[in-house]
Structures are given as C-alpha cells and as structure tokens.
C-alpha cells in the first residue's frame, strides 16, 4: 500500500530550490513521486508504507531547507475502483 504525505517547506525562493527539494525527496528509498511548489512552500509525496515523515523531513533538511509535516501526512492512497475513475493502462 502507498501513503500520501504533505510537508510544509521553508526557505525556498525559486524553481531551482523546488527542484533541489524534489530531487532530495525522490532519492528517499520508497518514494514513488514528489511534487514541490515554491509558493506556498509545500511538498506532496507518495511513498510506500516503509517511508515515514521523519525520513522525508531529514531529506529536505539535508539539502538546506526547513520542513515540517502537513495536516495530511501518512494517509493511505486509495485506488479508484469504479470504471469512470480507474486507470486504464
């Protein structure tokens, strides 16, 4: 199962900062995807059950930014099951 995390990220001022944070998050083993925005300074991460919020915060802090958990961290990612919303690969 996968979980969704949200982080509040401080100290970013441009797209290069967001890219640096995204790269750091994606380097955490078990991270499936990461999206980072400069304004309002946030990150949305999807990861396996093996990942926890502290690992993500440590990755952000290791590249020089501040991070704290958002309100929705650690929620399970639910798969769409109806024919309208389910992915068709």
Protein backbone atom coordinates (compact mmCIF):
# COMPACT_ATOMS: atom_id res chain seq x y z
CA UNK A 1 0.00 0.00 0.00
CA UNK A 2 1.09 3.57 -0.60
CA UNK A 3 0.73 6.62 1.65
CA UNK A 4 0.42 10.31 0.83
CA UNK A 5 2.43 12.88 2.75
CA UNK A 6 2.26 16.64 2.78
CA UNK A 7 5.11 18.79 4.03
CA UNK A 8 5.44 22.48 4.66
CA UNK A 9 8.83 23.52 3.26
CA UNK A 10 10.54 26.76 4.24
CA UNK A 11 13.44 28.63 2.72
CA UNK A 12 12.71 28.06 -0.96
CA UNK A 13 12.82 31.14 -3.18
CA UNK A 14 12.84 29.86 -6.78
CA UNK A 15 12.25 26.94 -9.09
CA UNK A 16 15.80 25.67 -8.60
CA UNK A 17 15.12 25.40 -4.86
CA UNK A 18 11.95 23.39 -5.52
CA UNK A 19 13.85 21.12 -7.92
CA UNK A 20 16.56 20.53 -5.30
CA UNK A 21 13.96 19.58 -2.69
CA UNK A 22 12.10 17.33 -5.16
CA UNK A 23 15.33 15.53 -6.07
CA UNK A 24 16.14 15.00 -2.38
CA UNK A 25 12.68 13.59 -1.68
CA UNK A 26 12.75 11.32 -4.73
CA UNK A 27 16.10 9.93 -3.53
CA UNK A 28 14.48 8.52 -0.37
CA UNK A 29 14.05 4.79 -0.86
CA UNK A 30 10.35 4.01 -1.21
CA UNK A 31 9.27 7.41 -2.56
CA UNK A 32 7.09 6.92 -5.63
CA UNK A 33 6.59 10.58 -6.55
CA UNK A 34 7.18 14.07 -5.19
CA UNK A 35 5.75 17.42 -6.24
CA UNK A 36 7.19 20.60 -4.75
CA UNK A 37 5.91 24.17 -5.08
CA UNK A 38 7.78 27.31 -4.07
CA UNK A 39 4.63 29.20 -3.17
CA UNK A 40 3.18 28.32 -0.69
CA UNK A 41 6.28 26.24 0.13
CA UNK A 42 4.89 22.74 0.10
CA UNK A 43 5.64 19.21 -0.98
CA UNK A 44 3.24 16.39 -1.81
CA UNK A 45 4.82 12.94 -1.66
CA UNK A 46 3.51 9.46 -2.42
CA UNK A 47 5.55 6.65 -0.89
CA UNK A 48 5.39 3.04 0.20
CA UNK A 49 4.49 2.01 3.74
CA UNK A 50 8.19 1.74 4.56
CA UNK A 51 8.63 5.54 4.44
CA UNK A 52 7.78 7.80 7.36
CA UNK A 53 7.52 11.57 7.74
CA UNK A 54 10.82 11.84 9.61
CA UNK A 55 12.73 10.40 6.63
CA UNK A 56 11.19 12.98 4.32
CA UNK A 57 11.91 15.85 6.69
CA UNK A 58 15.52 14.69 7.06
CA UNK A 59 15.94 14.60 3.27
CA UNK A 60 14.66 18.18 2.93
CA UNK A 61 16.82 19.43 5.80
CA UNK A 62 19.89 17.67 4.34
CA UNK A 63 19.73 19.98 1.31
CA UNK A 64 19.38 23.11 3.43
CA UNK A 65 15.65 23.78 3.79
CA UNK A 66 13.20 23.63 6.70
CA UNK A 67 10.38 21.10 6.72
CA UNK A 68 7.52 20.07 8.96
CA UNK A 69 4.64 17.66 8.48
CA UNK A 70 1.49 18.93 6.84
CA UNK A 71 -2.00 18.12 8.02
CA UNK A 72 -2.46 15.17 5.66
CA UNK A 73 0.76 13.24 6.21
CA UNK A 74 0.65 9.45 6.28
CA UNK A 75 -2.82 8.90 4.82
CA UNK A 76 -3.31 5.81 2.67
CA UNK A 77 -3.58 6.31 -1.09
CA UNK A 78 -6.79 4.68 -2.27
CA UNK A 79 -7.09 3.18 -5.72
CA UNK A 80 -10.10 4.17 -7.80
CA UNK A 81 -12.28 1.14 -8.38
CA UNK A 82 -15.16 2.38 -10.48
CA UNK A 83 -14.94 2.24 -14.26
CA UNK A 84 -15.08 6.03 -14.60
CA UNK A 85 -12.07 6.82 -12.39
CA UNK A 86 -9.93 3.69 -12.55
CA UNK A 87 -6.70 3.95 -14.55
CA UNK A 88 -6.66 2.10 -17.80
CA UNK A 89 -3.10 1.02 -18.59
